[in-house]
Amino acid sequence: MSPIPNQASLHPGSAPTRSSGSGLLGCGLSWFALLAVLTVSVAVFLFWNGPLWLAPPGASHLGRIVISYLAVIPLCGLLLLLGKRWSWVHLASATALLWAGKLIVTSSLYSYLATGSVQKYSPAPVADEEGSAVRSRPARAAPSTGSSEVAGVVLDRGIPIAGVVVVAGAQGGSFRDAQRVVLTISRAHYDRSVYLATVRDQVRVENGDGVLHNVRAHRERRTLWNVPSPPGVQALALPTAEAGIYELSCDEHPAERATLVVVDQAPAQITDGAGRFFLRGLPAGKTHLELFRDSAMPRHAEVVTADGARADVSFELTELDSKR
């Protein structure tokens, strides 16, 4: 009995039929092809109409979102045709699979990289327990001017302390000219624990590491803005036009924390290497001071000055109250 001839023997001039293949999860594309399309679509999302992390706060990202999703469809169709696996079912399956994966990737990148992306969806402030509230602004009294001065020294167990921010709870008649305040990140740490700036200063962050950092600012448990600091991008501007106390952190480096104190007309200064500070333009009488050393929780002190006179004071941090 002779064997049954196969399809090729019945048609000697024809080539064997190639299997269409199901691909990963039946979408017709291999995992490598899917990864390639995902990479391209994510790149479109990040760089369409300019890098995402350089977009100004509040900018619309609708264009990059729509284009990056639509780009998946022709890319999948082209790869299916090249692999001889084209079908509408495969196209729909591959597109749905990639859109799901892209949603996870790009939403995470958007929250991490987009300047101010969390402003709209950040939670409402939560009231702290009594005595543990972080003040949203340095203490300030009603606008007033004066000719009194305070010259002081800040000590910690008798040792002069540099880098302590001292803010007066009264407005002076004038303030220093605008300056450039630079926050430097190196080895996943800020170069200082507390910074001082005015609302007129240009506050910038410099990334001295070879990895990506982000500067997330909190105030009263609310995230105000989130600015990425990519490696190689120097002096990136921070949105600090409003007076207040900003707690700075990084999502990827828990030890990367600092406090930024931004004042308007309130006299303020950072202690020098000898722990000294000097405040001028204060009204006569009692003035409340806030001292920030290594966190957003200040210590409090009071000083009394005569009209047109200078008061010399010394503060021991361990003896000052952190509650008010």
Protein backbone atom coordinates (compact mmCIF):
# COMPACT_ATOMS: atom_id res chain seq x y z
CA MET A 1 0.00 0.00 0.00
CA SER A 2 1.59 3.29 -1.07
CA PRO A 3 1.91 6.19 1.45
CA ILE A 4 -0.40 9.21 1.23
CA PRO A 5 1.43 12.02 -0.54
CA ASN A 6 1.86 15.26 1.45
CA GLN A 7 0.87 18.75 0.26
CA ALA A 8 4.33 19.45 -1.14
CA SER A 9 4.33 16.28 -3.27
CA LEU A 10 0.92 17.16 -4.71
CA HIS A 11 2.27 20.53 -5.81
CA PRO A 12 5.94 20.05 -6.64
CA GLY A 13 6.44 23.68 -7.60
CA SER A 14 5.08 25.18 -4.37
CA ALA A 15 7.04 26.07 -1.20
CA PRO A 16 6.05 24.78 2.23
CA THR A 17 3.55 27.00 4.04
CA ARG A 18 5.07 29.02 6.95
CA SER A 19 3.27 28.84 10.29
CA SER A 20 1.72 32.14 11.32
CA GLY A 21 2.71 31.72 14.97
CA SER A 22 0.83 33.05 17.96
CA GLY A 23 3.51 35.25 19.55
CA LEU A 24 3.54 36.29 23.20
CA LEU A 25 0.10 35.75 24.75
CA GLY A 26 -1.35 35.20 21.28
CA CYS A 27 -0.67 38.75 20.05
CA GLY A 28 1.48 37.66 17.09
CA LEU A 29 4.62 39.50 18.32
CA SER A 30 7.53 38.19 20.32
CA TRP A 31 8.51 39.73 23.66
CA PHE A 32 11.49 41.38 21.97
CA ALA A 33 9.24 43.06 19.38
CA LEU A 34 6.84 44.19 22.10
CA LEU A 35 9.71 45.62 24.14
CA ALA A 36 10.99 47.52 21.09
CA VAL A 37 7.59 49.10 20.43
CA LEU A 38 7.18 49.95 24.13
CA THR A 39 10.60 51.62 24.19
CA VAL A 40 9.79 53.75 21.15
CA SER A 41 6.38 54.81 22.50
CA VAL A 42 7.86 55.73 25.89
CA ALA A 43 10.59 57.75 24.17
CA VAL A 44 7.90 59.63 22.22
CA PHE A 45 6.14 60.35 25.50
CA LEU A 46 9.30 61.66 27.14
CA PHE A 47 10.62 63.82 24.30
CA TRP A 48 7.60 64.92 22.23
CA ASN A 49 7.60 68.72 22.02
CA GLY A 50 10.62 68.86 24.36
CA PRO A 51 11.86 66.77 27.30
CA LEU A 52 9.17 66.11 29.87
CA TRP A 53 11.35 67.21 32.81
CA LEU A 54 12.03 70.62 31.25
CA ALA A 55 8.36 71.49 30.73
CA PRO A 56 7.17 74.40 32.92
CA PRO A 57 4.82 73.67 35.85
CA GLY A 58 1.21 73.43 34.70
CA ALA A 59 2.09 72.77 31.05
CA SER A 60 -0.31 70.58 29.04
CA HIS A 61 1.02 67.13 28.14
CA LEU A 62 -2.01 66.02 26.13
CA GLY A 63 -0.07 66.01 22.85
CA ARG A 64 2.72 63.74 24.06
CA ILE A 65 0.21 61.38 25.68
CA VAL A 66 -2.01 61.02 22.58
CA ILE A 67 0.84 60.73 20.08
CA SER A 68 2.74 58.18 22.15
CA TYR A 69 -0.34 55.92 22.37
CA LEU A 70 -1.25 56.29 18.70
CA ALA A 71 2.33 55.45 17.67
CA VAL A 72 1.85 51.92 19.01
CA ILE A 73 -0.73 51.01 16.33
CA PRO A 74 1.34 51.51 13.13
CA LEU A 75 4.45 50.08 14.80
CA CYS A 76 2.62 46.88 15.72
CA GLY A 77 1.06 46.65 12.26
CA LEU A 78 4.45 47.05 10.57
CA LEU A 79 6.10 44.35 12.69
CA LEU A 80 3.19 41.96 12.11
CA LEU A 81 3.48 42.45 8.36
CA LEU A 82 7.24 41.95 8.40
CA GLY A 83 6.83 38.79 10.44
CA LYS A 84 4.03 37.54 8.15
CA ARG A 85 1.67 37.34 11.12
CA TRP A 86 -0.77 40.07 10.15
CA SER A 87 -4.37 39.85 11.28
CA TRP A 88 -6.77 42.28 12.85
CA VAL A 89 -6.94 40.05 15.91
CA HIS A 90 -3.17 40.14 16.33
CA LEU A 91 -3.11 43.92 15.85
CA ALA A 92 -5.82 44.47 18.44
CA SER A 93 -4.20 42.06 20.91
CA ALA A 94 -0.71 43.55 20.56
CA THR A 95 -2.01 47.11 20.84
CA ALA A 96 -4.05 46.36 23.95
CA LEU A 97 -1.14 44.55 25.57
CA LEU A 98 1.26 47.42 24.86
CA TRP A 99 -1.16 50.12 25.96
CA ALA A 100 -1.58 48.38 29.31
CA GLY A 101 2.17 48.13 29.81
CA LYS A 102 2.75 51.67 28.61
CA LEU A 103 0.16 53.04 31.03
CA ILE A 104 2.10 51.64 33.98
CA VAL A 105 5.49 52.87 32.72
CA THR A 106 4.50 56.36 31.59
CA SER A 107 2.28 57.11 34.62
CA SER A 108 5.22 56.32 36.89
CA LEU A 109 7.59 58.44 34.81
CA TYR A 110 5.08 61.30 34.69
CA SER A 111 4.75 61.39 38.48
CA TYR A 112 8.53 61.24 38.86
CA LEU A 113 9.66 63.61 36.09
CA ALA A 114 6.91 66.11 35.33
CA THR A 115 7.42 69.43 37.14
CA GLY A 116 4.45 70.13 39.38
CA SER A 117 2.64 67.00 38.23
CA VAL A 118 1.37 66.19 41.72
CA GLN A 119 -0.06 69.60 42.54
CA LYS A 120 -3.59 68.83 41.40
CA TYR A 121 -3.87 65.42 42.99
CA SER A 122 -1.91 65.92 46.21
CA PRO A 123 -3.88 65.22 49.38
CA ALA A 124 -5.34 67.98 51.49
CA PRO A 125 -3.29 69.11 54.49
CA VAL A 126 -3.68 66.94 57.56
CA ALA A 127 -3.76 68.63 60.95
CA ASP A 128 -0.85 67.53 63.11
CA GLU A 129 -1.19 66.70 66.76
CA GLU A 130 -0.79 69.56 69.18
CA GLY A 131 2.78 70.73 69.40
CA SER A 132 3.99 68.87 66.30
CA ALA A 133 2.63 71.08 63.55
CA VAL A 134 5.11 72.32 60.97
CA ARG A 135 4.57 75.97 60.26
CA SER A 136 3.89 76.78 56.61
CA ARG A 137 5.59 80.17 56.88
CA PRO A 138 8.25 81.66 59.13
CA ALA A 139 6.68 83.68 61.92
CA ARG A 140 5.87 87.22 60.82
CA ALA A 141 4.19 90.12 62.53
CA ALA A 142 2.24 92.95 60.96
CA PRO A 143 4.33 95.07 58.56
CA SER A 144 6.54 97.39 60.56
CA THR A 145 9.97 98.93 60.31
CA GLY A 146 12.50 99.88 62.91
CA SER A 147 16.06 100.84 63.58
CA SER A 148 16.93 98.21 66.16
CA GLU A 149 19.54 95.51 65.58
CA VAL A 150 20.31 92.08 66.99
CA ALA A 151 23.79 90.56 66.96
CA GLY A 152 23.90 87.01 68.21
CA VAL A 153 25.74 83.71 68.49
CA VAL A 154 24.13 80.26 68.23
CA LEU A 155 25.72 77.48 70.29
CA ASP A 156 25.23 73.75 70.69
CA ARG A 157 26.54 72.60 74.07
CA GLY A 158 28.79 75.62 74.13
CA ILE A 159 30.17 75.12 70.60
CA PRO A 160 29.37 77.77 67.92
CA ILE A 161 27.22 76.30 65.15
CA ALA A 162 27.43 77.35 61.50
CA GLY A 163 24.59 77.01 59.01
CA VAL A 164 21.70 77.79 61.36
CA VAL A 165 18.97 79.90 59.73
CA VAL A 166 17.67 82.64 62.03
CA VAL A 167 14.40 84.33 61.02
CA ALA A 168 12.86 87.32 62.80
CA GLY A 169 9.11 87.39 63.30
CA ALA A 170 8.87 91.00 62.14
CA GLN A 171 9.23 92.69 58.78
CA GLY A 172 12.15 94.98 58.14
CA GLY A 173 12.09 98.04 55.95
CA SER A 174 14.44 96.60 53.35
CA PHE A 175 16.07 93.33 52.33
CA ARG A 176 19.17 92.29 50.46
CA ASP A 177 19.32 92.24 46.68
CA ALA A 178 18.33 89.12 44.77
CA GLN A 179 20.95 86.39 44.78
CA ARG A 180 21.48 82.95 43.33
CA VAL A 181 21.01 80.20 45.91
CA VAL A 182 22.37 76.82 44.80
CA LEU A 183 21.39 73.52 46.40
CA THR A 184 24.09 70.97 45.60
CA ILE A 185 23.43 67.22 45.68
CA SER A 186 26.46 64.94 45.96
CA ARG A 187 26.56 61.26 46.94
CA ALA A 188 22.79 61.34 47.46
CA HIS A 189 23.07 64.08 50.10
CA TYR A 190 22.56 67.83 50.10
CA ASP A 191 25.64 69.87 50.90
CA ARG A 192 23.69 71.61 53.67
CA SER A 193 20.80 70.59 55.92
CA VAL A 194 19.12 74.03 55.84
CA TYR A 195 19.06 76.71 53.13
CA LEU A 196 17.86 80.31 53.23
CA ALA A 197 16.42 82.25 50.29
CA THR A 198 14.13 85.17 49.62
CA VAL A 199 11.19 85.24 47.23
CA ARG A 200 13.36 87.28 44.85
CA ASP A 201 16.27 84.86 44.78
CA GLN A 202 16.97 82.38 42.00
CA VAL A 203 16.95 78.99 43.72
CA ARG A 204 18.58 76.22 41.72
CA VAL A 205 19.67 72.64 42.29
CA GLU A 206 22.89 71.07 40.96
CA ASN A 207 23.27 67.31 40.61
CA GLY A 208 26.86 66.29 41.24
CA ASP A 209 26.12 62.57 40.93
CA GLY A 210 25.87 60.35 37.87
CA VAL A 211 22.33 59.23 38.67
CA LEU A 212 18.89 60.81 38.49
CA HIS A 213 17.61 62.68 41.54
CA ASN A 214 14.37 64.51 42.14
CA VAL A 215 13.55 67.41 44.45
CA ARG A 216 10.14 66.86 46.00
CA ALA A 217 8.95 69.76 48.17
CA HIS A 218 6.47 69.25 51.01
CA ARG A 219 4.71 71.82 53.15
CA GLU A 220 2.09 70.93 55.75
CA ARG A 221 2.19 67.34 54.45
CA ARG A 222 1.24 68.49 50.96
CA THR A 223 3.50 67.93 47.97
CA LEU A 224 3.84 71.31 46.29
CA TRP A 225 6.14 70.45 43.41
CA ASN A 226 8.42 67.70 42.17
CA VAL A 227 11.39 68.67 40.02
CA PRO A 228 13.70 66.05 38.43
CA SER A 229 17.43 66.67 38.51
CA PRO A 230 19.01 64.50 35.78
CA PRO A 231 22.77 63.90 35.79
CA GLY A 232 24.69 66.37 33.67
CA VAL A 233 21.98 69.07 33.89
CA GLN A 234 23.42 71.82 36.06
CA ALA A 235 21.65 74.63 37.95
CA LEU A 236 18.06 73.53 37.38
CA ALA A 237 15.61 76.21 38.58
CA LEU A 238 13.19 75.47 41.42
CA PRO A 239 9.74 77.12 41.72
CA THR A 240 10.20 78.97 45.04
CA ALA A 241 8.39 82.28 44.48
CA GLU A 242 6.26 81.91 47.62
CA ALA A 243 7.50 82.41 51.18
CA GLY A 244 7.37 79.34 53.38
CA ILE A 245 9.23 76.38 54.80
CA TYR A 246 9.89 73.62 52.25
CA GLU A 247 10.88 70.10 53.26
CA LEU A 248 12.95 68.66 50.43
CA SER A 249 13.30 64.94 49.73
CA CYS A 250 14.12 62.44 46.99
CA ASP A 251 11.94 59.45 46.09
CA GLU A 252 14.89 57.14 45.43
CA HIS A 253 17.31 58.24 48.19
CA PRO A 254 15.76 58.38 51.69
CA ALA A 255 18.79 60.15 53.23
CA GLU A 256 18.60 62.96 50.68
CA ARG A 257 16.73 65.53 52.76
CA ALA A 258 17.01 69.23 53.50
CA THR A 259 14.96 72.23 54.59
CA LEU A 260 14.55 75.36 52.47
CA VAL A 261 13.38 78.49 54.30
CA VAL A 262 12.04 81.17 51.94
CA VAL A 263 11.24 84.60 53.38
CA ASP A 264 9.75 87.79 52.00
CA GLN A 265 10.47 90.88 54.12
CA ALA A 266 11.31 89.10 57.36
CA PRO A 267 14.95 89.77 58.35
CA ALA A 268 16.88 86.50 58.26
CA GLN A 269 20.45 85.27 58.12
CA ILE A 270 22.54 82.08 58.26
CA THR A 271 25.11 81.80 61.03
CA ASP A 272 28.73 81.92 59.89
CA GLY A 273 31.60 79.67 60.90
CA ALA A 274 31.69 81.27 64.33
CA GLY A 275 27.96 80.80 64.85
CA ARG A 276 27.27 84.52 64.49
CA PHE A 277 24.29 86.26 62.87
CA PHE A 278 23.20 89.87 62.53
CA LEU A 279 19.68 91.18 61.98
CA ARG A 280 18.85 94.83 61.36
CA GLY A 281 15.75 96.91 60.73
CA LEU A 282 13.81 95.45 63.68
CA PRO A 283 11.12 97.37 65.56
CA ALA A 284 11.74 98.20 69.19
CA GLY A 285 10.33 95.83 71.76
CA LYS A 286 9.98 92.06 71.83
CA THR A 287 10.81 90.13 68.65
CA HIS A 288 10.23 86.42 68.16
CA LEU A 289 12.99 84.42 66.43
CA GLU A 290 12.86 81.03 64.73
CA LEU A 291 16.07 79.02 64.42
CA PHE A 292 16.32 76.21 61.84
CA ARG A 293 19.23 73.84 62.10
CA ASP A 294 18.52 70.47 60.47
CA SER A 295 14.77 70.17 59.95
CA ALA A 296 11.61 72.12 59.23
CA MET A 297 10.79 72.15 62.95
CA PRO A 298 12.28 75.40 64.27
CA ARG A 299 13.42 76.30 67.75
CA HIS A 300 12.07 79.48 69.24
CA ALA A 301 13.61 82.40 71.08
CA GLU A 302 12.73 85.96 71.97
CA VAL A 303 14.81 89.11 72.15
CA VAL A 304 13.97 92.58 73.42
CA THR A 305 15.51 95.65 71.79
CA ALA A 306 15.35 99.35 72.51
CA ASP A 307 14.56 101.85 69.78
CA GLY A 308 17.66 102.45 67.67
CA ALA A 309 19.79 100.19 69.87
CA ARG A 310 21.65 96.96 69.32
CA ALA A 311 21.02 93.85 71.38
CA ASP A 312 23.80 91.28 71.81
CA VAL A 313 22.45 87.80 72.50
CA SER A 314 23.61 84.21 72.74
CA PHE A 315 21.37 81.18 72.20
CA GLU A 316 22.06 77.63 73.36
CA LEU A 317 20.10 75.31 71.04
CA THR A 318 19.68 72.60 73.66
CA GLU A 319 17.88 75.10 75.90
CA LEU A 320 15.48 76.45 73.27
CA ASP A 321 11.94 75.15 72.91
CA SER A 322 10.92 73.56 69.59
CA LYS A 323 7.23 74.14 70.39
CA ARG A 324 5.35 77.36 70.57
